[in-house]
């Protein structure tokens, strides 16, 4: 499978991880954050990540800012209020015809190339539901006490568009 990163950032995506209970109990691991047996939070140890560099193209949603006609008043003056109007998506290749047909007849076909885009692009009505488009999963940040505390270092999987 070919991954095309249409964001401006290098993506580090968790591909394998091992779960364990921080309480030490032997209850089976399930796909939830709290152990049903002991109530303690499940802890994950990241085993591997894949790095996907950005491509030359970036997919974006065209946004037009329109003055809203109002402002919020402060002691230093007014803050203009604007409305955001969303346009179309640019920088994302068209949906392959074979995937559209497969969808219509209910066939299960995996795309050869998948595109990773921002969450805003993936949520756009033109893109929603495409089988070949994903966005980065939940952001992973360095823990408290780390020299880069709070800074992101990757994402936990991908979201489906």
N, C-alpha and C. Protein backbone atom coordinates (compact mmCIF):
# COMPACT_ATOMS: atom_id res chain seq x y z
N UNK A 1 0.85 -1.18 0.00
CA UNK A 1 0.00 0.00 0.00
C UNK A 1 0.90 1.24 0.00
N UNK A 2 0.52 2.21 -0.76
CA UNK A 2 1.27 3.45 -0.88
C UNK A 2 0.57 4.54 -0.06
N UNK A 3 1.30 5.17 0.86
CA UNK A 3 0.76 6.25 1.69
C UNK A 3 1.25 7.58 1.15
N UNK A 4 0.33 8.51 0.92
CA UNK A 4 0.68 9.85 0.47
C UNK A 4 0.22 10.82 1.55
N UNK A 5 1.17 11.50 2.16
CA UNK A 5 0.90 12.45 3.24
C UNK A 5 0.64 13.81 2.62
N UNK A 6 -0.62 14.24 2.60
CA UNK A 6 -1.00 15.53 2.03
C UNK A 6 -1.15 16.60 3.11
N UNK A 7 -0.42 16.44 4.23
CA UNK A 7 -0.33 17.48 5.26
C UNK A 7 1.07 18.08 5.14
N UNK A 8 1.31 19.25 5.73
CA UNK A 8 2.64 19.84 5.65
C UNK A 8 3.62 19.29 6.69
N UNK A 9 3.22 18.26 7.46
CA UNK A 9 4.03 17.76 8.57
C UNK A 9 4.49 16.32 8.34
N UNK A 10 5.62 15.98 8.92
CA UNK A 10 6.03 14.57 8.99
C UNK A 10 5.07 13.90 9.97
N UNK A 11 4.54 12.74 9.60
CA UNK A 11 3.63 12.02 10.48
C UNK A 11 4.32 10.80 11.06
N UNK A 12 4.29 10.66 12.37
CA UNK A 12 4.77 9.48 13.07
C UNK A 12 3.54 8.77 13.61
N UNK A 13 3.26 7.59 13.07
CA UNK A 13 2.02 6.88 13.39
C UNK A 13 2.34 5.58 14.11
N UNK A 14 1.68 5.34 15.25
CA UNK A 14 1.85 4.10 15.98
C UNK A 14 1.32 2.96 15.13
N UNK A 15 2.14 1.93 14.93
CA UNK A 15 1.69 0.77 14.15
C UNK A 15 1.55 -0.47 15.01
N UNK A 16 2.28 -0.58 16.10
CA UNK A 16 2.11 -1.70 17.04
C UNK A 16 2.27 -1.17 18.44
N UNK A 17 1.57 -1.79 19.36
CA UNK A 17 1.71 -1.41 20.76
C UNK A 17 1.32 -2.58 21.63
N UNK A 18 1.77 -2.56 22.83
CA UNK A 18 1.49 -3.65 23.75
C UNK A 18 0.80 -3.04 24.97
N UNK A 19 -0.32 -3.61 25.36
CA UNK A 19 -1.05 -3.06 26.50
C UNK A 19 -0.81 -3.86 27.76
N UNK A 20 -0.83 -3.19 28.89
CA UNK A 20 -0.75 -3.86 30.17
C UNK A 20 -1.46 -3.00 31.20
N UNK A 21 -1.80 -3.59 32.32
CA UNK A 21 -2.48 -2.86 33.39
C UNK A 21 -1.44 -2.29 34.33
N UNK A 22 -1.57 -1.02 34.69
CA UNK A 22 -0.61 -0.45 35.61
C UNK A 22 -0.82 -0.96 37.04
N UNK A 23 -1.91 -1.69 37.27
CA UNK A 23 -2.16 -2.27 38.59
C UNK A 23 -1.49 -3.63 38.73
N UNK A 24 -1.10 -4.24 37.60
CA UNK A 24 -0.44 -5.54 37.64
C UNK A 24 -1.39 -6.73 37.61
N UNK A 25 -2.71 -6.51 37.51
CA UNK A 25 -3.62 -7.64 37.48
C UNK A 25 -3.52 -8.36 36.13
N UNK A 26 -4.01 -9.59 36.08
CA UNK A 26 -3.91 -10.40 34.86
C UNK A 26 -5.20 -10.42 34.05
N UNK A 27 -6.08 -9.46 34.26
CA UNK A 27 -7.34 -9.43 33.51
C UNK A 27 -7.04 -9.28 32.03
N UNK A 28 -7.87 -9.90 31.17
CA UNK A 28 -7.60 -9.79 29.73
C UNK A 28 -7.72 -8.35 29.26
N UNK A 29 -6.88 -8.00 28.28
CA UNK A 29 -6.90 -6.64 27.74
C UNK A 29 -8.08 -6.49 26.80
N UNK A 30 -8.77 -5.42 26.91
CA UNK A 30 -9.87 -5.11 26.01
C UNK A 30 -9.59 -3.76 25.39
N UNK A 31 -10.43 -3.36 24.46
CA UNK A 31 -10.18 -2.11 23.75
C UNK A 31 -10.85 -0.93 24.45
N UNK A 32 -10.60 -0.77 25.71
CA UNK A 32 -11.10 0.39 26.44
C UNK A 32 -10.01 0.87 27.38
N UNK A 33 -10.14 2.08 27.84
CA UNK A 33 -9.05 2.70 28.59
C UNK A 33 -9.01 2.33 30.06
N UNK A 34 -10.07 1.74 30.62
CA UNK A 34 -10.08 1.39 32.03
C UNK A 34 -10.32 -0.10 32.19
N UNK A 35 -9.55 -0.73 33.04
CA UNK A 35 -9.66 -2.17 33.28
C UNK A 35 -11.00 -2.46 33.95
N UNK A 36 -11.79 -3.38 33.38
CA UNK A 36 -13.09 -3.74 33.94
C UNK A 36 -12.97 -4.53 35.23
N UNK A 37 -11.84 -5.17 35.44
CA UNK A 37 -11.63 -5.99 36.63
C UNK A 37 -11.24 -5.15 37.85
N UNK A 38 -10.25 -4.28 37.64
CA UNK A 38 -9.70 -3.56 38.78
C UNK A 38 -9.99 -2.07 38.77
N UNK A 39 -10.46 -1.53 37.62
CA UNK A 39 -10.78 -0.11 37.54
C UNK A 39 -9.60 0.79 37.25
N UNK A 40 -8.38 0.22 37.19
CA UNK A 40 -7.22 1.04 36.89
C UNK A 40 -7.14 1.34 35.40
N UNK A 41 -6.46 2.41 35.06
CA UNK A 41 -6.29 2.82 33.67
C UNK A 41 -5.30 1.88 32.99
N UNK A 42 -5.65 1.48 31.77
CA UNK A 42 -4.77 0.64 30.97
C UNK A 42 -3.63 1.49 30.42
N UNK A 43 -2.43 0.97 30.42
CA UNK A 43 -1.25 1.69 29.94
C UNK A 43 -0.75 1.00 28.68
N UNK A 44 -0.33 1.77 27.69
CA UNK A 44 0.20 1.20 26.46
C UNK A 44 1.68 1.50 26.34
N UNK A 45 2.41 0.54 25.86
CA UNK A 45 3.82 0.72 25.58
C UNK A 45 3.95 0.69 24.06
N UNK A 46 4.39 1.77 23.47
CA UNK A 46 4.52 1.83 22.01
C UNK A 46 5.71 0.99 21.59
N UNK A 47 5.46 0.06 20.67
CA UNK A 47 6.52 -0.83 20.21
C UNK A 47 7.16 -0.32 18.93
N UNK A 48 6.40 0.30 18.05
CA UNK A 48 6.96 0.74 16.78
C UNK A 48 6.10 1.85 16.20
N UNK A 49 6.73 2.68 15.37
CA UNK A 49 6.02 3.76 14.68
C UNK A 49 6.51 3.78 13.24
N UNK A 50 5.67 4.28 12.35
CA UNK A 50 6.07 4.47 10.97
C UNK A 50 6.10 5.97 10.71
N UNK A 51 7.12 6.42 10.01
CA UNK A 51 7.26 7.84 9.69
C UNK A 51 6.87 8.04 8.23
N UNK A 52 5.94 8.95 7.99
CA UNK A 52 5.49 9.25 6.62
C UNK A 52 5.78 10.72 6.35
N UNK A 53 6.76 10.98 5.48
CA UNK A 53 7.12 12.37 5.19
C UNK A 53 6.03 13.06 4.37
N UNK A 54 5.96 14.40 4.44
CA UNK A 54 4.97 15.11 3.64
C UNK A 54 5.31 15.00 2.15
N UNK A 55 4.28 14.98 1.32
CA UNK A 55 4.50 14.99 -0.13
C UNK A 55 4.68 16.45 -0.56
N UNK A 56 4.86 16.66 -1.83
CA UNK A 56 5.03 18.03 -2.32
C UNK A 56 3.71 18.80 -2.31
N UNK A 57 2.60 18.10 -2.38
CA UNK A 57 1.27 18.71 -2.43
C UNK A 57 0.64 18.69 -1.03
N UNK A 58 -0.13 19.72 -0.70
CA UNK A 58 -0.87 19.78 0.56
C UNK A 58 -2.34 19.94 0.22
N UNK A 59 -3.18 19.06 0.77
CA UNK A 59 -4.64 19.18 0.57
C UNK A 59 -5.18 20.19 1.58
N UNK A 60 -6.02 21.08 1.09
CA UNK A 60 -6.58 22.12 1.95
C UNK A 60 -8.04 22.37 1.61
N UNK A 61 -8.75 22.95 2.55
CA UNK A 61 -10.11 23.43 2.32
C UNK A 61 -10.00 24.92 2.06
N UNK A 62 -10.60 25.38 0.99
CA UNK A 62 -10.60 26.80 0.69
C UNK A 62 -11.50 27.49 1.70
N UNK A 63 -10.97 28.51 2.36
CA UNK A 63 -11.72 29.23 3.39
C UNK A 63 -11.76 30.71 3.02
N UNK A 64 -12.95 31.27 3.07
CA UNK A 64 -13.12 32.70 2.82
C UNK A 64 -13.62 33.33 4.11
N UNK A 65 -12.89 34.33 4.60
CA UNK A 65 -13.30 35.04 5.80
C UNK A 65 -14.10 36.28 5.40
N UNK A 66 -15.29 36.41 5.96
CA UNK A 66 -16.19 37.51 5.63
C UNK A 66 -16.43 38.32 6.91
N UNK A 67 -16.33 39.62 6.78
CA UNK A 67 -16.58 40.47 7.93
C UNK A 67 -18.02 40.28 8.40
N UNK A 68 -18.18 40.07 9.71
CA UNK A 68 -19.50 39.79 10.27
C UNK A 68 -20.33 41.02 10.57
N UNK A 69 -19.72 42.20 10.48
CA UNK A 69 -20.47 43.43 10.73
C UNK A 69 -20.53 43.84 12.19
N UNK A 70 -19.97 43.05 13.08
CA UNK A 70 -20.00 43.36 14.51
C UNK A 70 -18.59 43.34 15.07
N UNK A 71 -18.48 43.79 16.29
CA UNK A 71 -17.20 43.69 16.98
C UNK A 71 -17.44 43.56 18.48
N UNK A 72 -16.43 42.97 19.14
CA UNK A 72 -16.45 42.89 20.61
C UNK A 72 -15.65 44.07 21.11
N UNK A 73 -16.19 44.78 22.07
CA UNK A 73 -15.51 45.98 22.55
C UNK A 73 -14.68 45.66 23.78
N UNK A 74 -13.45 46.16 23.77
CA UNK A 74 -12.54 46.00 24.90
C UNK A 74 -12.07 47.39 25.31
N UNK A 75 -11.31 47.46 26.37
CA UNK A 75 -10.77 48.76 26.82
C UNK A 75 -9.77 49.33 25.82
N UNK A 76 -9.22 48.46 24.95
CA UNK A 76 -8.24 48.92 23.96
C UNK A 76 -8.85 49.10 22.58
N UNK A 77 -10.14 48.91 22.45
CA UNK A 77 -10.79 49.06 21.15
C UNK A 77 -11.64 47.85 20.81
N UNK A 78 -12.08 47.79 19.56
CA UNK A 78 -12.96 46.70 19.14
C UNK A 78 -12.20 45.56 18.46
N UNK A 79 -12.71 44.37 18.63
CA UNK A 79 -12.18 43.18 17.96
C UNK A 79 -13.21 42.78 16.91
N UNK A 80 -12.81 42.85 15.63
CA UNK A 80 -13.75 42.52 14.55
C UNK A 80 -14.15 41.05 14.61
N UNK A 81 -15.41 40.81 14.35
CA UNK A 81 -15.92 39.44 14.26
C UNK A 81 -16.10 39.08 12.80
N UNK A 82 -15.65 37.91 12.44
CA UNK A 82 -15.74 37.46 11.04
C UNK A 82 -16.48 36.13 10.97
N UNK A 83 -16.97 35.85 9.80
CA UNK A 83 -17.59 34.55 9.52
C UNK A 83 -16.69 33.80 8.57
N UNK A 84 -16.62 32.51 8.79
CA UNK A 84 -15.79 31.67 7.93
C UNK A 84 -16.70 30.90 6.99
N UNK A 85 -16.46 31.05 5.70
CA UNK A 85 -17.22 30.31 4.68
C UNK A 85 -16.29 29.27 4.07
N UNK A 86 -16.72 28.02 4.09
CA UNK A 86 -15.90 26.95 3.54
C UNK A 86 -16.20 26.76 2.06
N UNK A 87 -15.14 26.66 1.29
CA UNK A 87 -15.26 26.37 -0.14
C UNK A 87 -14.95 24.91 -0.38
N UNK A 88 -14.40 24.61 -1.55
CA UNK A 88 -14.08 23.24 -1.92
C UNK A 88 -12.72 22.80 -1.39
N UNK A 89 -12.38 21.55 -1.69
CA UNK A 89 -11.10 20.98 -1.30
C UNK A 89 -10.14 21.09 -2.48
N UNK A 90 -8.91 21.51 -2.22
CA UNK A 90 -7.89 21.58 -3.26
C UNK A 90 -6.71 20.70 -2.83
N UNK A 91 -6.01 20.14 -3.82
CA UNK A 91 -4.81 19.36 -3.55
C UNK A 91 -5.04 17.89 -3.29
N UNK A 92 -6.28 17.43 -3.36
CA UNK A 92 -6.59 16.01 -3.15
C UNK A 92 -7.00 15.39 -4.49
N UNK A 93 -6.31 14.32 -4.91
CA UNK A 93 -6.69 13.69 -6.18
C UNK A 93 -8.14 13.23 -6.16
N UNK A 94 -8.79 13.16 -7.33
CA UNK A 94 -10.19 12.72 -7.37
C UNK A 94 -10.34 11.27 -6.91
N UNK A 95 -11.53 10.95 -6.44
CA UNK A 95 -11.84 9.60 -5.97
C UNK A 95 -11.78 8.64 -7.15
N UNK A 96 -10.98 7.58 -7.07
CA UNK A 96 -10.88 6.64 -8.19
C UNK A 96 -12.23 6.02 -8.54
N UNK A 97 -12.51 5.94 -9.81
CA UNK A 97 -13.79 5.42 -10.31
C UNK A 97 -14.03 3.99 -9.82
N UNK A 98 -12.98 3.17 -9.79
CA UNK A 98 -13.16 1.77 -9.37
C UNK A 98 -13.64 1.68 -7.92
N UNK A 99 -13.19 2.60 -7.04
CA UNK A 99 -13.65 2.58 -5.65
C UNK A 99 -15.10 3.04 -5.55
N UNK A 100 -15.49 4.01 -6.39
CA UNK A 100 -16.89 4.46 -6.40
C UNK A 100 -17.81 3.31 -6.81
N UNK A 101 -17.41 2.58 -7.86
CA UNK A 101 -18.22 1.46 -8.35
C UNK A 101 -18.28 0.35 -7.30
N UNK A 102 -17.14 0.05 -6.69
CA UNK A 102 -17.10 -0.98 -5.64
C UNK A 102 -18.04 -0.62 -4.50
N UNK A 103 -18.07 0.64 -4.13
CA UNK A 103 -18.96 1.11 -3.07
C UNK A 103 -20.42 0.89 -3.45
N UNK A 104 -20.75 1.25 -4.69
CA UNK A 104 -22.13 1.13 -5.17
C UNK A 104 -22.63 -0.31 -5.16
N UNK A 105 -21.75 -1.26 -5.52
CA UNK A 105 -22.19 -2.67 -5.58
C UNK A 105 -21.89 -3.44 -4.30
N UNK A 106 -21.29 -2.77 -3.32
CA UNK A 106 -21.03 -3.40 -2.03
C UNK A 106 -19.79 -4.28 -2.00
N UNK A 107 -18.91 -4.16 -2.99
CA UNK A 107 -17.68 -4.96 -3.01
C UNK A 107 -16.67 -4.39 -2.03
N UNK A 108 -15.85 -5.25 -1.48
CA UNK A 108 -14.84 -4.83 -0.51
C UNK A 108 -13.49 -4.76 -1.21
N UNK A 109 -13.14 -3.59 -1.71
CA UNK A 109 -11.88 -3.37 -2.41
C UNK A 109 -11.05 -2.39 -1.60
N UNK A 110 -9.78 -2.71 -1.42
CA UNK A 110 -8.87 -1.80 -0.73
C UNK A 110 -8.14 -0.95 -1.75
N UNK A 111 -8.00 0.32 -1.48
CA UNK A 111 -7.28 1.19 -2.41
C UNK A 111 -5.78 0.86 -2.41
N UNK A 112 -5.13 1.04 -3.55
CA UNK A 112 -3.68 0.84 -3.63
C UNK A 112 -2.94 2.01 -3.00
N UNK A 113 -3.50 3.21 -3.14
CA UNK A 113 -2.90 4.42 -2.57
C UNK A 113 -3.89 5.04 -1.61
N UNK A 114 -3.41 5.38 -0.41
CA UNK A 114 -4.26 6.09 0.54
C UNK A 114 -3.65 7.46 0.81
N UNK A 115 -4.52 8.42 1.02
CA UNK A 115 -4.11 9.81 1.24
C UNK A 115 -4.38 10.18 2.69
N UNK A 116 -3.38 10.76 3.34
CA UNK A 116 -3.55 11.23 4.71
C UNK A 116 -3.64 12.75 4.64
N UNK A 117 -4.74 13.27 5.16
CA UNK A 117 -5.04 14.70 5.08
C UNK A 117 -5.35 15.23 6.47
N UNK A 118 -5.51 16.52 6.60
CA UNK A 118 -5.89 17.12 7.89
C UNK A 118 -7.31 16.69 8.26
N UNK A 119 -7.64 16.82 9.52
CA UNK A 119 -8.99 16.50 9.98
C UNK A 119 -10.04 17.37 9.31
N UNK A 120 -9.70 18.63 9.04
CA UNK A 120 -10.64 19.55 8.39
C UNK A 120 -10.95 19.09 6.97
N UNK A 121 -9.93 18.64 6.24
CA UNK A 121 -10.15 18.14 4.88
C UNK A 121 -10.98 16.85 4.94
N UNK A 122 -10.62 15.93 5.83
CA UNK A 122 -11.32 14.65 5.92
C UNK A 122 -12.79 14.81 6.28
N UNK A 123 -13.13 15.86 7.05
CA UNK A 123 -14.52 16.08 7.47
C UNK A 123 -15.34 16.83 6.44
N UNK A 124 -14.71 17.34 5.40
CA UNK A 124 -15.41 18.12 4.38
C UNK A 124 -16.41 17.22 3.64
N UNK A 125 -17.61 17.72 3.33
CA UNK A 125 -18.62 16.91 2.64
C UNK A 125 -18.15 16.29 1.32
N UNK A 126 -17.24 16.95 0.61
CA UNK A 126 -16.72 16.40 -0.64
C UNK A 126 -15.87 15.15 -0.41
N UNK A 127 -15.34 15.00 0.79
CA UNK A 127 -14.38 13.95 1.09
C UNK A 127 -14.96 12.86 1.99
N UNK A 128 -15.88 13.24 2.86
CA UNK A 128 -16.46 12.32 3.84
C UNK A 128 -16.90 11.01 3.19
N UNK A 129 -16.47 9.90 3.75
CA UNK A 129 -16.87 8.59 3.26
C UNK A 129 -15.94 7.97 2.23
N UNK A 130 -14.95 8.71 1.77
CA UNK A 130 -14.00 8.13 0.80
C UNK A 130 -13.18 7.04 1.48
N UNK A 131 -13.01 5.92 0.79
CA UNK A 131 -12.25 4.80 1.34
C UNK A 131 -10.74 5.00 1.25
N UNK A 132 -10.31 5.97 0.48
CA UNK A 132 -8.87 6.17 0.28
C UNK A 132 -8.33 7.38 1.03
N UNK A 133 -9.13 7.97 1.93
CA UNK A 133 -8.70 9.18 2.65
C UNK A 133 -8.81 8.94 4.15
N UNK A 134 -7.73 9.32 4.85
CA UNK A 134 -7.66 9.19 6.30
C UNK A 134 -7.05 10.45 6.87
N UNK A 135 -7.24 10.66 8.17
CA UNK A 135 -6.58 11.79 8.85
C UNK A 135 -5.87 11.24 10.09
N UNK A 136 -4.88 11.98 10.61
CA UNK A 136 -4.14 11.48 11.77
C UNK A 136 -5.07 11.22 12.96
N UNK A 137 -4.78 10.12 13.66
CA UNK A 137 -5.55 9.76 14.86
C UNK A 137 -5.21 10.67 16.03
N UNK A 138 -5.66 10.29 17.23
CA UNK A 138 -5.41 11.13 18.41
C UNK A 138 -3.93 11.44 18.58
N UNK A 139 -3.66 12.69 18.89
CA UNK A 139 -2.29 13.17 19.06
C UNK A 139 -1.65 12.56 20.31
N UNK A 140 -0.41 12.14 20.18
CA UNK A 140 0.36 11.63 21.32
C UNK A 140 1.35 12.70 21.73
N UNK A 141 1.40 12.99 23.02
CA UNK A 141 2.29 14.05 23.52
C UNK A 141 3.28 13.48 24.52
N UNK A 142 4.43 14.13 24.62
CA UNK A 142 5.42 13.72 25.61
C UNK A 142 4.84 13.90 27.01
N UNK A 143 5.11 12.96 27.92
CA UNK A 143 4.51 13.01 29.26
C UNK A 143 5.10 14.09 30.15
N UNK A 144 4.41 14.32 31.24
CA UNK A 144 4.85 15.28 32.25
C UNK A 144 6.24 14.87 32.77
N UNK A 145 7.11 15.83 32.90
CA UNK A 145 8.46 15.57 33.38
C UNK A 145 9.47 15.35 32.26
N UNK A 146 8.99 15.08 31.06
CA UNK A 146 9.89 14.93 29.91
C UNK A 146 10.36 16.31 29.50
N UNK A 147 11.59 16.41 28.95
CA UNK A 147 12.10 17.73 28.56
C UNK A 147 11.24 18.40 27.49
N UNK A 148 10.51 17.60 26.71
CA UNK A 148 9.59 18.16 25.70
C UNK A 148 8.14 18.02 26.14
N UNK A 149 7.90 18.09 27.43
CA UNK A 149 6.57 17.91 28.01
C UNK A 149 5.48 18.62 27.22
N UNK A 150 4.45 17.87 26.85
CA UNK A 150 3.30 18.44 26.16
C UNK A 150 3.47 18.56 24.65
N UNK A 151 4.69 18.43 24.15
CA UNK A 151 4.93 18.54 22.71
C UNK A 151 4.50 17.24 22.03
N UNK A 152 3.86 17.32 20.86
CA UNK A 152 3.45 16.11 20.16
C UNK A 152 4.64 15.36 19.56
N UNK A 153 4.54 14.03 19.55
CA UNK A 153 5.58 13.23 18.91
C UNK A 153 5.01 12.23 17.92
N UNK A 154 3.70 12.16 17.80
CA UNK A 154 3.09 11.23 16.85
C UNK A 154 1.60 11.18 17.02
N UNK A 155 0.98 10.20 16.34
CA UNK A 155 -0.46 10.01 16.48
C UNK A 155 -0.76 8.52 16.62
N UNK A 156 -1.89 8.24 17.25
CA UNK A 156 -2.31 6.87 17.53
C UNK A 156 -3.23 6.40 16.41
N UNK A 157 -2.66 5.86 15.35
CA UNK A 157 -3.45 5.34 14.24
C UNK A 157 -3.99 6.45 13.34
N UNK A 158 -5.00 6.10 12.57
CA UNK A 158 -5.61 7.02 11.62
C UNK A 158 -7.13 7.02 11.78
N UNK A 159 -7.77 8.15 11.51
CA UNK A 159 -9.22 8.24 11.46
C UNK A 159 -9.68 8.02 10.04
N UNK A 160 -10.80 7.35 9.87
CA UNK A 160 -11.41 7.15 8.55
C UNK A 160 -12.17 8.41 8.18
N UNK A 161 -12.10 8.81 6.91
CA UNK A 161 -12.81 10.03 6.47
C UNK A 161 -14.31 9.81 6.47
